Amino acid sequence: MDKQRITHALHRIHQATARLEESALRLQADQTLARSIPHDDGIADKYEALRSDVAATLNDLDTLIESLEK
C-alpha cells in the first residue's frame, strides 16, 4: 500500500472507533436511564390500549374526511 492509502485506511479506522465509542456511551446512558425508571408490569397493556384508541380515532377521521369529500 502506498502512504496515501495507509493514511486513508487509518483515518477510516479512527472514525469507526470513534463511532463505536459513541455508541457504547449512548448504550451506557440508556441502561442507566432504564434502571432509574420505575418498573411497571402493565406498561405493555397500556401501550396496546393506546395504540388501539389511536387506530380507532384515525379510522374515524378517515371516515369523516371521506364523507366531506363526497
C-alpha atoms as a PDB file:
ATOM      1  CA  MET A   1       0.000   0.000   0.000  1.00  0.00           C
ATOM      2  CA  ASP A   2       1.194   3.457  -0.706  1.00  0.00           C
ATOM      3  CA  LYS A   3       1.403   6.066   2.030  1.00  0.00           C
ATOM      4  CA  GLN A   4      -1.827   7.853   0.999  1.00  0.00           C
ATOM      5  CA  ARG A   5      -3.881   4.642   1.097  1.00  0.00           C
ATOM      6  CA  ILE A   6      -2.467   3.726   4.501  1.00  0.00           C
ATOM      7  CA  THR A   7      -3.249   7.189   5.837  1.00  0.00           C
ATOM      8  CA  HIS A   8      -6.789   6.954   4.457  1.00  0.00           C
ATOM      9  CA  ALA A   9      -7.273   3.477   5.967  1.00  0.00           C
ATOM     10  CA  LEU A  10      -6.021   4.674   9.365  1.00  0.00           C
ATOM     11  CA  HIS A  11      -8.382   7.656   9.189  1.00  0.00           C
ATOM     12  CA  ARG A  12     -11.330   5.358   8.453  1.00  0.00           C
ATOM     13  CA  ILE A  13     -10.335   3.069  11.336  1.00  0.00           C
ATOM     14  CA  HIS A  14     -10.154   6.090  13.647  1.00  0.00           C
ATOM     15  CA  GLN A  15     -13.615   7.249  12.561  1.00  0.00           C
ATOM     16  CA  ALA A  16     -15.063   3.765  13.081  1.00  0.00           C
ATOM     17  CA  THR A  17     -13.501   3.570  16.535  1.00  0.00           C
ATOM     18  CA  ALA A  18     -14.996   6.956  17.434  1.00  0.00           C
ATOM     19  CA  ARG A  19     -18.450   5.759  16.312  1.00  0.00           C
ATOM     20  CA  LEU A  20     -18.092   2.618  18.423  1.00  0.00           C
ATOM     21  CA  GLU A  21     -17.101   4.668  21.469  1.00  0.00           C
ATOM     22  CA  GLU A  22     -20.087   6.998  20.960  1.00  0.00           C
ATOM     23  CA  SER A  23     -22.414   4.009  20.659  1.00  0.00           C
ATOM     24  CA  ALA A  24     -21.014   2.478  23.832  1.00  0.00           C
ATOM     25  CA  LEU A  25     -21.554   5.742  25.727  1.00  0.00           C
ATOM     26  CA  ARG A  26     -25.142   6.024  24.438  1.00  0.00           C
ATOM     27  CA  LEU A  27     -25.834   2.417  25.423  1.00  0.00           C
ATOM     28  CA  GLN A  28     -24.436   3.027  28.881  1.00  0.00           C
ATOM     29  CA  ALA A  29     -26.591   6.156  29.263  1.00  0.00           C
ATOM     30  CA  ASP A  30     -29.680   4.260  28.045  1.00  0.00           C
ATOM     31  CA  GLN A  31     -29.052   1.467  30.554  1.00  0.00           C
ATOM     32  CA  THR A  32     -28.598   3.983  33.370  1.00  0.00           C
ATOM     33  CA  LEU A  33     -31.852   5.696  32.419  1.00  0.00           C
ATOM     34  CA  ALA A  34     -33.683   2.370  32.182  1.00  0.00           C
ATOM     35  CA  ARG A  35     -32.566   1.446  35.705  1.00  0.00           C
ATOM     36  CA  SER A  36     -33.813   4.792  37.046  1.00  0.00           C
ATOM     37  CA  ILE A  37     -37.361   4.370  35.665  1.00  0.00           C
ATOM     38  CA  PRO A  38     -39.751   2.514  37.968  1.00  0.00           C
ATOM     39  CA  HIS A  39     -40.768  -0.865  36.558  1.00  0.00           C
ATOM     40  CA  ASP A  40     -44.424  -1.147  35.513  1.00  0.00           C
ATOM     41  CA  ASP A  41     -45.660  -4.585  34.546  1.00  0.00           C
ATOM     42  CA  GLY A  42     -48.800  -3.127  32.952  1.00  0.00           C
ATOM     43  CA  ILE A  43     -46.966  -0.864  30.526  1.00  0.00           C
ATOM     44  CA  ALA A  44     -47.336  -3.237  27.558  1.00  0.00           C
ATOM     45  CA  ASP A  45     -51.098  -3.448  28.096  1.00  0.00           C
ATOM     46  CA  LYS A  46     -51.353   0.330  28.390  1.00  0.00           C
ATOM     47  CA  TYR A  47     -49.351   0.739  25.207  1.00  0.00           C
ATOM     48  CA  GLU A  48     -51.584  -1.660  23.277  1.00  0.00           C
ATOM     49  CA  ALA A  49     -54.719   0.083  24.579  1.00  0.00           C
ATOM     50  CA  LEU A  50     -53.330   3.434  23.465  1.00  0.00           C
ATOM     51  CA  ARG A  51     -52.444   2.040  20.024  1.00  0.00           C
ATOM     52  CA  SER A  52     -55.974   0.676  19.705  1.00  0.00           C
ATOM     53  CA  ASP A  53     -57.515   4.029  20.684  1.00  0.00           C
ATOM     54  CA  VAL A  54     -55.325   5.902  18.209  1.00  0.00           C
ATOM     55  CA  ALA A  55     -56.171   3.446  15.419  1.00  0.00           C
ATOM     56  CA  ALA A  56     -59.893   3.865  16.123  1.00  0.00           C
ATOM     57  CA  THR A  57     -59.559   7.648  16.122  1.00  0.00           C
ATOM     58  CA  LEU A  58     -57.650   7.606  12.828  1.00  0.00           C
ATOM     59  CA  ASN A  59     -60.331   5.369  11.352  1.00  0.00           C
ATOM     60  CA  ASP A  60     -62.998   7.840  12.495  1.00  0.00           C
ATOM     61  CA  LEU A  61     -61.049  10.696  10.910  1.00  0.00           C
ATOM     62  CA  ASP A  62     -60.738   8.755   7.655  1.00  0.00           C
ATOM     63  CA  THR A  63     -64.492   8.197   7.608  1.00  0.00           C
ATOM     64  CA  LEU A  64     -65.149  11.868   8.309  1.00  0.00           C
ATOM     65  CA  ILE A  65     -62.766  13.029   5.590  1.00  0.00           C
ATOM     66  CA  GLU A  66     -64.307  10.617   3.091  1.00  0.00           C
ATOM     67  CA  SER A  67     -67.799  11.949   3.877  1.00  0.00           C
ATOM     68  CA  LEU A  68     -66.623  15.536   3.398  1.00  0.00           C
ATOM     69  CA  GLU A  69     -65.051  14.720   0.034  1.00  0.00           C
ATOM     70  CA  LYS A  70     -68.378  13.462  -1.387  1.00  0.00           C
END
